Protein backbone atom coordinates (compact mmCIF):
# COMPACT_ATOMS: atom_id res chain seq x y z
CA MET A 1 205.04 279.69 116.69
CA THR A 2 203.90 283.07 115.37
CA ALA A 3 203.96 283.85 111.68
CA ALA A 4 206.75 286.40 112.26
CA ALA A 5 208.89 283.92 114.17
CA SER A 6 208.26 281.24 111.56
CA GLY A 7 209.32 283.65 108.84
CA ALA A 8 212.49 284.55 110.73
CA VAL A 9 213.39 280.87 111.05
CA ARG A 10 212.81 280.27 107.34
CA LEU A 11 214.92 283.33 106.47
CA ALA A 12 217.78 282.18 108.70
CA ALA A 13 217.63 278.71 107.19
CA ALA A 14 217.77 280.16 103.70
CA CYS A 15 220.91 282.19 104.42
CA THR A 16 224.17 280.60 103.36
CA PRO A 17 227.09 280.52 105.83
CA GLY A 18 228.88 283.03 103.60
CA ALA A 19 226.03 285.51 103.72
CA VAL A 20 225.76 285.18 107.48
CA ALA A 21 229.52 285.61 107.88
CA MET A 22 229.56 288.72 105.70
CA ALA A 23 226.76 290.26 107.75
CA LEU A 24 228.65 289.44 110.96
CA GLY A 25 231.78 291.15 109.68
CA ALA A 26 229.84 294.23 108.62
CA VAL A 27 227.99 294.52 111.93
CA SER A 28 231.19 294.18 113.96
CA VAL A 29 232.51 297.44 112.46
CA ALA A 30 230.29 299.32 114.92
CA GLY A 31 232.64 298.19 117.69
CA PHE A 32 235.52 300.22 116.26
CA GLY A 33 233.92 303.66 116.46
CA ASP A 34 233.13 306.13 119.21
CA TRP A 35 230.66 303.99 121.11
CA PRO A 36 231.67 301.37 123.76
CA LEU A 37 230.22 298.43 121.82
CA TRP A 38 233.00 296.00 122.73
CA LEU A 39 230.59 293.10 123.19
CA LEU A 40 229.43 293.32 119.56
CA PRO A 41 232.71 292.19 117.90
CA LEU A 42 233.00 289.41 120.51
CA ALA A 43 229.55 288.13 119.61
CA ALA A 44 230.28 288.42 115.88
CA PHE A 45 233.51 286.49 116.21
CA ALA A 46 231.82 283.83 118.35
CA ALA A 47 229.30 283.32 115.54
CA LEU A 48 232.16 283.13 113.03
CA ALA A 49 233.91 280.48 115.15
CA TRP A 50 230.67 278.49 115.26
CA LEU A 51 230.40 278.68 111.47
CA TRP A 52 233.99 277.48 111.17
CA LEU A 53 233.22 274.59 113.50
CA ARG A 54 230.41 273.49 111.19
CA ALA A 55 232.27 274.02 107.89
CA PRO A 56 232.58 270.62 106.17
CA THR A 57 235.97 271.24 104.52
CA PRO A 58 238.95 273.60 104.82
CA ARG A 59 237.89 275.24 101.56
CA ALA A 60 234.43 275.94 102.97
CA ALA A 61 236.00 277.39 106.13
CA ALA A 62 238.20 279.64 103.99
CA ALA A 63 235.13 280.88 102.10
CA VAL A 64 233.38 281.71 105.38
CA GLY A 65 236.49 283.55 106.62
CA PHE A 66 236.74 285.53 103.39
CA ALA A 67 233.07 286.50 103.63
CA PHE A 68 233.54 287.72 107.20
CA GLY A 69 236.60 289.73 106.13
CA ALA A 70 234.72 291.16 103.16
CA GLY A 71 231.95 292.42 105.42
CA LEU A 72 234.48 293.81 107.92
CA PHE A 73 236.70 295.64 105.43
CA PHE A 74 234.24 296.68 102.71
CA VAL A 75 232.27 298.48 105.42
CA GLY A 76 235.03 299.38 107.88
CA ALA A 77 237.58 300.55 105.29
CA SER A 78 235.13 302.03 102.79
CA TRP A 79 236.85 305.39 103.34
CA VAL A 80 239.67 304.21 101.06
CA TYR A 81 237.38 305.06 98.15
CA VAL A 82 236.86 308.57 99.54
CA SER A 83 240.59 309.25 99.67
CA LEU A 84 241.22 307.83 96.19
CA HIS A 85 238.30 309.43 94.37
CA ASP A 86 236.99 312.45 96.29
CA PHE A 87 240.39 313.86 97.22
CA GLY A 88 242.89 311.86 95.16
CA GLY A 89 241.09 312.58 91.90
CA LEU A 90 241.11 308.97 90.69
CA PRO A 91 238.20 308.25 88.29
CA ALA A 92 235.28 306.61 90.07
CA PRO A 93 235.47 303.23 88.26
CA LEU A 94 239.19 302.91 88.92
CA ALA A 95 238.85 304.08 92.54
CA GLY A 96 236.04 301.58 93.06
CA LEU A 97 238.10 298.77 91.54
CA ALA A 98 241.13 299.70 93.64
CA THR A 99 238.98 299.67 96.79
CA ILE A 100 237.54 296.27 95.91
CA VAL A 101 240.99 294.81 95.28
CA PHE A 102 242.38 296.33 98.48
CA CYS A 103 239.54 295.08 100.69
CA SER A 104 239.65 291.66 99.02
CA ILE A 105 243.35 291.36 99.86
CA LEU A 106 242.56 292.23 103.47
CA ALA A 107 239.76 289.65 103.52
CA ALA A 108 242.26 286.99 102.44
CA TYR A 109 243.78 287.01 105.95
CA PRO A 110 240.60 285.78 107.72
CA ALA A 111 240.19 283.32 104.84
CA ALA A 112 243.68 281.93 105.48
CA ALA A 113 242.95 281.66 109.20
CA GLY A 114 239.73 279.77 108.46
CA TRP A 115 241.45 277.34 106.12
CA ALA A 116 244.34 276.71 108.52
CA GLN A 117 242.17 276.09 111.59
CA ALA A 118 240.21 273.48 109.65
CA LYS A 119 243.39 271.76 108.43
CA LEU A 120 244.73 271.60 111.98
CA SER A 121 241.54 270.15 113.45
CA ALA A 122 239.37 267.10 113.08
CA PRO A 123 235.74 267.73 111.99
CA ALA A 124 233.52 268.60 114.95
CA ARG A 125 230.89 266.11 116.07
CA ALA A 126 227.38 266.91 117.18
CA GLN A 127 228.50 266.57 120.81
CA LEU A 128 231.49 268.86 121.26
CA ALA A 129 234.62 267.00 122.37
CA ALA A 130 237.61 268.37 124.24
CA PRO A 131 239.80 268.72 121.11
CA ALA A 132 237.11 270.85 119.45
CA ALA A 133 236.90 273.04 122.55
CA MET A 134 240.66 273.59 122.40
CA ARG A 135 240.24 274.45 118.72
CA LEU A 136 237.77 277.17 119.69
CA MET A 137 239.73 278.57 122.63
CA LEU A 138 243.34 278.15 121.43
CA VAL A 139 243.85 277.21 117.78
CA ILE A 140 241.43 279.69 116.22
CA PRO A 141 242.62 282.59 118.44
CA ALA A 142 246.27 281.81 117.65
CA LEU A 143 245.66 281.72 113.90
CA TRP A 144 243.52 284.85 113.96
CA THR A 145 246.13 286.75 115.94
CA LEU A 146 248.95 285.69 113.62
CA ALA A 147 246.82 286.68 110.63
CA GLU A 148 246.31 290.14 112.14
CA TRP A 149 250.03 290.45 112.81
CA LEU A 150 250.93 289.42 109.26
CA ARG A 151 248.46 291.99 107.96
CA SER A 152 250.28 294.61 110.05
CA TRP A 153 253.56 294.31 108.12
CA ILE A 154 253.09 292.61 104.73
CA PHE A 155 253.08 295.29 101.97
CA THR A 156 254.14 297.84 104.68
CA GLY A 157 251.17 296.81 106.82
CA PHE A 158 247.55 297.75 107.44
CA PRO A 159 246.64 296.82 111.05
CA TRP A 160 243.32 298.68 110.96
CA LEU A 161 240.23 296.96 112.43
CA SER A 162 242.16 294.39 114.45
CA ILE A 163 239.73 293.01 117.01
CA GLY A 164 241.90 294.09 119.94
CA TYR A 165 241.09 297.74 119.19
CA SER A 166 237.40 297.06 119.79
CA GLN A 167 238.05 296.00 123.39
CA LEU A 168 239.36 299.29 124.81
CA ASP A 169 236.21 299.92 126.87
CA GLY A 170 235.96 296.41 128.29
CA PRO A 171 237.95 294.32 130.74
CA LEU A 172 240.37 292.97 128.14
CA ALA A 173 242.01 296.39 127.81
CA GLY A 174 243.80 295.56 131.06
CA PHE A 175 246.02 293.18 129.11
CA ALA A 176 247.21 295.85 126.63
CA PRO A 177 250.07 297.17 128.82
CA VAL A 178 251.17 293.56 129.40
CA GLY A 179 251.09 292.06 125.91
CA GLY A 180 249.95 294.79 123.54
CA MET A 181 247.04 294.96 121.15
CA PHE A 182 247.71 291.53 119.61
CA ALA A 183 247.51 289.92 123.04
CA VAL A 184 244.13 291.58 123.47
CA SER A 185 243.08 290.18 120.08
CA PHE A 186 244.12 286.68 121.14
CA LEU A 187 242.22 286.89 124.42
CA ALA A 188 239.14 288.42 122.78
CA THR A 189 238.92 285.59 120.26
CA ALA A 190 239.60 283.06 123.03
CA VAL A 191 236.65 284.44 124.99
CA ALA A 192 234.51 284.30 121.84
CA GLY A 193 235.51 280.66 121.31
CA ALA A 194 234.76 279.89 124.94
CA LEU A 195 231.29 281.37 124.52
CA VAL A 196 230.65 278.90 121.69
CA ALA A 197 231.99 276.00 123.77
CA LEU A 198 229.82 277.10 126.68
CA LEU A 199 226.71 277.00 124.51
CA VAL A 200 227.24 273.71 122.72
CA ALA A 201 229.57 271.65 124.92
CA ARG A 202 228.90 269.31 127.80
CA GLY A 203 230.98 268.15 130.73
CA ALA A 204 234.65 269.07 131.04
CA PRO A 205 234.79 271.30 127.92
CA ARG A 206 231.96 273.42 129.30
CA ILE A 207 233.72 273.74 132.66
CA ALA A 208 236.92 274.74 130.84
CA ALA A 209 235.01 277.38 128.87
CA ILE A 210 233.57 278.87 132.06
CA ALA A 211 237.05 278.93 133.60
CA VAL A 212 238.56 280.64 130.53
CA ILE A 213 235.89 283.36 130.45
CA GLY A 214 236.14 283.96 134.18
CA ALA A 215 239.94 284.01 134.27
CA ILE A 216 240.33 286.36 131.30
CA ALA A 217 237.57 288.76 132.36
CA GLY A 218 238.66 288.78 135.99
CA GLY A 219 242.32 289.13 135.07
CA GLY A 220 241.54 292.03 132.76
CA TRP A 221 239.61 293.94 135.41
CA GLY A 222 242.37 293.33 137.90
CA LEU A 223 245.11 294.51 135.53
CA ARG A 224 243.19 297.69 134.75
CA ALA A 225 243.72 298.75 138.36
CA ILE A 226 247.52 298.64 138.02
CA ASP A 227 249.36 301.92 137.36
CA TRP A 228 252.31 300.74 135.27
CA THR A 229 254.09 304.11 135.00
CA ALA A 230 254.95 306.94 137.40
CA PRO A 231 254.44 310.73 137.13
CA TYR A 232 257.32 312.73 135.69
CA GLY A 233 257.87 316.39 136.57
CA GLU A 234 255.09 318.92 136.95
CA PRO A 235 251.78 318.89 135.03
CA LEU A 236 252.04 320.66 131.67
CA ASP A 237 249.54 322.99 130.01
CA ILE A 238 249.13 322.01 126.36
CA ALA A 239 247.14 323.26 123.37
CA LEU A 240 246.25 321.29 120.25
CA LEU A 241 245.29 323.34 117.18
CA GLN A 242 242.68 322.18 114.67
CA GLY A 243 242.73 324.44 111.62
CA ASN A 244 239.90 322.70 109.72
CA ILE A 245 241.52 323.47 106.36
CA PRO A 246 239.47 321.74 103.61
CA GLN A 247 241.57 319.07 101.92
CA ALA A 248 240.51 320.32 98.48
CA LEU A 249 242.02 323.73 99.33
CA LYS A 250 244.96 322.73 101.53
CA PHE A 251 247.60 322.84 98.79
CA VAL A 252 245.99 325.49 96.59
CA PRO A 253 248.57 328.33 96.32
CA GLY A 254 245.95 331.03 96.69
CA ARG A 255 244.80 329.52 100.00
CA TYR A 256 248.27 329.53 101.60
CA GLN A 257 248.06 332.95 103.26
CA ALA A 258 244.66 332.18 104.77
CA THR A 259 246.10 328.98 106.24
CA LEU A 260 248.94 330.90 107.87
CA GLU A 261 246.50 333.41 109.31
CA THR A 262 244.31 330.63 110.71
CA TYR A 263 247.14 329.05 112.67
CA ALA A 264 248.50 332.42 113.80
CA ARG A 265 245.07 333.29 115.19
CA LEU A 266 244.64 329.94 116.94
CA ALA A 267 248.15 329.96 118.38
CA GLY A 268 247.65 333.49 119.67
CA SER A 269 244.58 332.46 121.65
CA THR A 270 246.40 330.13 124.06
CA THR A 271 248.94 330.51 126.85
CA ALA A 272 249.93 326.84 126.95
CA ARG A 273 253.61 325.87 127.25
CA LEU A 274 253.35 323.17 124.58
CA VAL A 275 251.41 323.97 121.41
CA VAL A 276 250.97 321.28 118.74
CA LEU A 277 249.88 321.85 115.12
CA PRO A 278 248.64 319.10 112.76
CA GLU A 279 250.45 317.20 110.03
CA THR A 280 251.59 319.53 107.20
CA ALA A 281 249.81 322.39 108.95
CA ILE A 282 252.05 324.66 106.91
CA PRO A 283 251.74 323.22 103.37
CA ARG A 284 255.10 324.49 102.11
CA PHE A 285 258.70 323.45 102.57
CA LEU A 286 260.09 324.94 105.76
CA ASP A 287 262.87 326.75 103.88
CA ASP A 288 260.20 328.53 101.82
CA VAL A 289 258.22 329.79 104.81
CA ASP A 290 258.75 333.47 105.68
CA PRO A 291 261.06 333.54 108.76
CA ALA A 292 259.20 336.61 110.01
CA TYR A 293 255.97 334.61 110.11
CA LEU A 294 257.60 331.76 112.03
CA GLU A 295 259.08 334.25 114.50
CA ALA A 296 255.73 335.93 115.09
CA LEU A 297 253.98 332.56 115.40
CA THR A 298 256.37 331.02 117.91
CA ALA A 299 257.80 333.98 119.88
CA PRO A 300 254.94 334.09 122.43
CA VAL A 301 255.28 330.44 123.41
CA ALA A 302 259.07 330.79 123.58
CA ALA A 303 258.72 333.82 125.85
CA ARG A 304 256.82 331.75 128.42
CA GLY A 305 259.48 329.01 128.33
CA GLY A 306 257.50 326.72 126.04
CA ASP A 307 257.68 325.21 122.58
CA MET A 308 255.57 324.69 119.49
CA LEU A 309 255.51 321.56 117.33
CA ILE A 310 254.67 322.34 113.69
CA GLY A 311 253.84 319.83 110.98
CA VAL A 312 255.75 321.00 107.89
CA PRO A 313 257.60 319.30 104.98
CA LEU A 314 261.40 319.38 105.18
CA LEU A 315 263.74 319.49 102.18
CA ASP A 316 267.34 318.32 102.65
CA ARG A 317 270.48 319.19 100.71
CA THR A 318 270.04 316.24 98.35
CA ARG A 319 266.56 317.51 97.41
CA ARG A 320 264.84 314.68 99.26
CA TYR A 321 261.85 315.76 101.29
CA TYR A 322 260.26 314.46 104.47
CA ASN A 323 256.89 314.58 106.17
CA ALA A 324 258.11 316.15 109.39
CA VAL A 325 257.38 317.84 112.69
CA VAL A 326 259.75 320.66 113.72
CA SER A 327 259.99 322.27 117.13
CA PHE A 328 260.27 326.03 117.69
CA GLY A 329 260.54 327.86 120.99
CA ALA A 330 262.66 328.02 124.11
CA SER A 331 264.30 324.63 123.46
CA PRO A 332 266.86 324.03 120.69
CA ARG A 333 265.21 323.35 117.33
CA GLN A 334 264.59 319.65 116.71
CA ALA A 335 262.78 317.62 114.07
CA TYR A 336 261.08 314.28 113.62
CA ALA A 337 260.76 312.84 110.09
CA LYS A 338 258.09 310.23 109.38
CA SER A 339 259.58 306.79 108.76
CA HIS A 340 256.54 304.56 108.09
CA LEU A 341 255.12 306.00 104.89
CA VAL A 342 251.70 305.42 103.32
CA PRO A 343 251.79 303.55 99.99
CA PHE A 344 250.44 305.66 97.09
CA GLY A 345 249.98 308.65 99.41
CA GLU A 346 253.60 309.21 100.43
CA PHE A 347 255.60 306.88 98.24
CA VAL A 348 255.04 305.06 94.96
CA PRO A 349 255.28 301.25 95.12
CA THR A 350 257.31 299.70 92.33
CA GLY A 351 255.25 299.30 89.18
CA PHE A 352 252.42 301.64 90.23
CA GLY A 353 253.74 304.95 88.96
CA TRP A 354 251.01 304.99 86.29
CA LEU A 355 248.30 304.86 88.96
CA VAL A 356 249.79 307.62 91.10
CA ALA A 357 250.21 309.78 88.00
CA MET A 358 246.42 309.80 87.64
CA MET A 359 245.92 311.16 91.16
CA ARG A 360 246.13 314.69 92.58
CA ILE A 361 248.41 313.94 95.53
CA PRO A 362 250.96 316.69 96.30
CA LEU A 363 254.38 315.69 97.59
CA GLY A 364 253.69 312.06 96.73
CA GLU A 365 257.27 310.76 97.00
CA PHE A 366 258.52 311.43 100.53
CA ALA A 367 261.79 310.02 101.81
CA ARG A 368 261.77 307.82 104.91
CA GLY A 369 262.98 309.16 108.21
CA ALA A 370 265.33 307.07 110.33
CA ALA A 371 263.79 304.28 112.42
CA ASP A 372 265.82 305.13 115.54
CA GLN A 373 264.84 308.77 116.07
CA GLN A 374 264.74 310.04 119.64
CA PRO A 375 261.96 311.92 121.46
CA LEU A 376 261.90 315.70 121.11
CA ALA A 377 263.01 317.48 124.30
CA VAL A 378 260.46 320.31 124.48
CA ALA A 379 258.59 322.18 127.22
CA GLY A 380 260.32 320.14 129.91
CA GLU A 381 259.09 316.85 128.44
CA ARG A 382 260.45 314.22 126.04
CA VAL A 383 257.79 313.86 123.34
CA ALA A 384 257.64 310.79 121.08
CA VAL A 385 256.17 312.18 117.88
CA ASN A 386 254.41 310.02 115.31
CA ILE A 387 252.70 311.18 112.14
CA CYS A 388 249.34 310.04 110.79
CA TYR A 389 248.92 306.27 110.71
CA GLU A 390 252.34 305.60 112.27
CA ASP A 391 250.50 305.21 115.55
CA ALA A 392 248.86 302.07 114.15
CA PHE A 393 252.14 300.20 114.67
CA GLY A 394 252.61 299.64 118.38
CA GLU A 395 256.04 298.04 118.13
CA GLU A 396 257.30 301.09 116.23
CA ILE A 397 255.92 303.51 118.81
CA ILE A 398 257.82 301.81 121.64
CA ARG A 399 261.14 302.44 119.88
CA GLN A 400 261.19 305.85 121.57
CA LEU A 401 260.29 304.39 124.96
CA PRO A 402 260.83 304.37 127.87
CA ALA A 403 262.76 307.60 127.19
CA ALA A 404 259.61 309.48 126.10
CA THR A 405 257.32 311.00 128.73
CA LEU A 406 254.50 311.96 126.31
CA LEU A 407 253.22 310.70 122.95
CA ALA A 408 252.02 313.06 120.22
CA ASN A 409 250.29 312.14 116.98
CA VAL A 410 249.80 314.76 114.27
CA SER A 411 247.45 313.85 111.44
CA ASN A 412 245.53 315.14 108.45
CA VAL A 413 242.61 312.74 108.26
CA ALA A 414 240.79 315.22 106.01
CA TRP A 415 241.86 312.84 103.22
CA PHE A 416 239.01 310.55 104.32
CA GLY A 417 236.25 313.10 104.64
CA ASN A 418 233.29 312.54 106.95
CA SER A 419 233.82 308.78 107.09
CA LEU A 420 234.48 306.09 109.68
CA ALA A 421 238.26 306.66 109.53
CA PRO A 422 238.69 309.48 112.11
CA ALA A 423 236.87 307.62 114.89
CA GLN A 424 238.79 304.43 114.09
CA HIS A 425 242.06 306.36 114.18
CA LEU A 426 241.22 307.82 117.59
CA ARG A 427 240.66 304.30 118.89
CA ILE A 428 244.09 303.28 117.60
CA SER A 429 245.70 306.21 119.43
CA ARG A 430 243.86 305.20 122.59
CA MET A 431 245.40 301.73 122.38
CA ARG A 432 248.91 303.20 122.09
CA ALA A 433 248.29 305.27 125.23
CA VAL A 434 247.21 302.17 127.18
CA GLU A 435 250.09 300.03 125.89
CA THR A 436 252.69 302.61 126.92
CA GLY A 437 251.09 304.17 130.01
CA ARG A 438 251.48 307.67 128.51
CA PHE A 439 249.26 310.55 127.53
CA MET A 440 248.67 310.71 123.77
CA LEU A 441 248.17 314.19 122.29
CA ARG A 442 246.35 314.15 118.93
CA ALA A 443 246.49 317.31 116.81
CA THR A 444 244.57 316.92 113.56
CA ASN A 445 243.45 319.16 110.74
CA THR A 446 239.75 318.28 110.78
CA GLY A 447 239.41 315.79 113.66
CA VAL A 448 239.54 313.91 115.85
CA THR A 449 241.75 316.28 117.88
CA ALA A 450 241.89 314.81 121.38
CA ILE A 451 243.80 314.33 124.62
CA VAL A 452 243.97 310.66 125.55
CA ALA A 453 244.85 309.64 129.11
CA PRO A 454 247.18 306.72 129.93
CA ASP A 455 244.16 304.50 130.69
CA GLY A 456 242.81 305.08 127.18
CA SER A 457 240.00 307.42 128.20
CA VAL A 458 239.46 310.59 126.17
CA ALA A 459 240.16 313.51 128.51
CA GLY A 460 239.08 316.10 125.94
CA ARG A 461 238.28 316.43 122.25
CA LEU A 462 237.18 319.00 119.69
CA PRO A 463 234.16 318.61 117.41
CA SER A 464 235.21 317.38 113.99
CA PHE A 465 235.16 319.72 110.98
CA SER A 466 235.42 322.80 113.15
CA GLU A 467 238.20 325.27 113.83
CA GLY A 468 239.39 325.30 117.41
CA VAL A 469 241.98 324.97 120.16
CA LEU A 470 241.87 322.09 122.61
CA GLU A 471 243.57 323.07 125.86
CA GLY A 472 244.32 320.78 128.76
CA ARG A 473 246.76 319.83 131.46
CA VAL A 474 248.69 316.58 131.11
CA GLN A 475 251.19 314.74 133.26
CA GLY A 476 254.38 313.30 131.82
CA ARG A 477 255.00 309.65 132.74
CA THR A 478 258.14 307.60 133.17
CA GLY A 479 258.82 303.88 133.42
CA ALA A 480 258.08 300.94 131.14
CA THR A 481 255.03 298.72 130.86
CA PRO A 482 255.75 295.04 130.16
CA TYR A 483 254.75 295.64 126.53
CA VAL A 484 257.27 298.46 126.15
CA THR A 485 259.97 296.04 127.36
CA THR A 486 259.04 292.96 125.31
CA GLY A 487 256.98 294.17 122.35
CA ASN A 488 254.91 291.62 120.41
CA ALA A 489 257.36 288.71 120.79
CA PRO A 490 255.67 286.92 123.75
CA ILE A 491 252.20 286.72 122.21
CA LEU A 492 253.57 285.73 118.79
CA LEU A 493 255.70 282.96 120.32
CA ALA A 494 252.70 281.77 122.34
CA CYS A 495 250.59 281.58 119.18
CA LEU A 496 253.31 279.64 117.36
CA ALA A 497 253.58 277.23 120.31
CA VAL A 498 249.82 276.61 120.23
CA LEU A 499 249.93 275.89 116.51
CA ALA A 500 252.96 273.61 116.84
CA ALA A 501 251.15 271.59 119.51
CA ALA A 502 247.98 271.45 117.38
CA ALA A 503 249.96 270.32 114.33
CA ALA A 504 251.69 267.59 116.36
CA ARG A 505 248.36 266.40 117.72
CA THR A 506 246.85 266.29 114.24
CA ARG A 507 249.80 264.31 112.85
CA ALA A 508 249.61 261.85 115.74
CA LYS A 509 245.88 261.32 115.22
CA ARG A 510 246.37 260.74 111.50
CA ARG A 511 249.09 258.17 112.23
CA ARG A 512 246.78 256.36 114.65
CA ASP A 513 243.97 256.38 112.11
CA THR A 514 246.35 255.02 109.46
CA ASP A 515 247.61 252.27 111.79
CA LEU A 516 244.06 251.31 112.72
CA GLY A 517 243.11 251.18 109.06
CA ALA A 518 246.09 249.00 108.23
CA GLY A 519 245.34 246.71 111.17
CA GLY A 520 241.72 246.32 110.10
């Protein structure tokens, strides 16, 4: 053995399981960006499953899971600090502490999954037995998937960096229209567990692992060839405007006129029938915007039988205000009001008013829009609008389906600067397109402005942090994928069934062990 190899072995031996797990979580973040690195999170999770298999106690397994989550979220969600400090104005020590607390809460979900899988399973032996193989390929995936789902709705939810999102460029994306992102997460972790079983098992468990990998990969590739939805109407010319308004200047009163001029210039450069502006593109209540400006901005698109969707705050008669998108043009005026609000950014959680008071967040107390809003009938299409991170909640997006023929997300990710967040958000939008079999139009302030095809591929995008107009031709789609019809219920029920069976098996084994002990 060479000196270098010997040193590498000694270094690996010196690393604690927690340190290894944290490094695995951190490395897996690369699979959630722009590059098709879908194998990387699979390999990282396989290594995590192996560490869980070797953990001597449930508490040790929980510590390994927390370490993996810490690496995943402290790296992958580091942009939370940017939004709190750089743009929210929170003092650096307090922003740092808030980021640590937030990421630690997120890391508690993998920790809980690690603890639970150990409690539901007998300790693994040196020679892997069938029950341990089932633990790798069923129990761990079920617990991980349920942990991701719980993270998507507790405290209003934060489903970022769920492993299913990392699989958009691989075969497992074929399952997204069938069972949604959480089904992809389950299958991805099942494949990772099967890889561990394949490496360390013998006999029937190894054969089962080969069968699982082959069936899931082959099934995914086959499903990707299915066109779940049908074309609707004629192709539509669209334009997505990216104003590139610096977040530090967006709500500065003296910058308002320049913002209006930017969007007037961009809108005037296109002949598309559907023009989409970003979230709060006009940073003033709609009632306070000069009607003459709105007429000049939207008259050209109306004259060619089209419509414009403008992100602008709405104020109602009770003085409540909404983060909204309003349509202008040939069609009757319509509006969509955001219903899934961002804690601290758009509403103040109970007991945290003191924290928000320290931040420079304009319009920080939005009202919630209704959950049952309908698609906007514009430019001959029915557009399901969602604002900012609303597209991270697949089961909320399908509320407007199958009526909608297009999806549109308007965002202002400038809050997170030049961080990992924009690329991660694009990946989330891509998943929604695949789940629903629709084009997703993304109009953002600073990026990533993009046209996403129903298969999740990016048909066009603008460079980030640049002013521009992204033009393209899209096709409306009609029909319902299986996921649109059933939502997350099938995969969640399947996970619960797996855990119920595992719990029954564990209880039966403990009873047998107790009876044998009493008999001895």
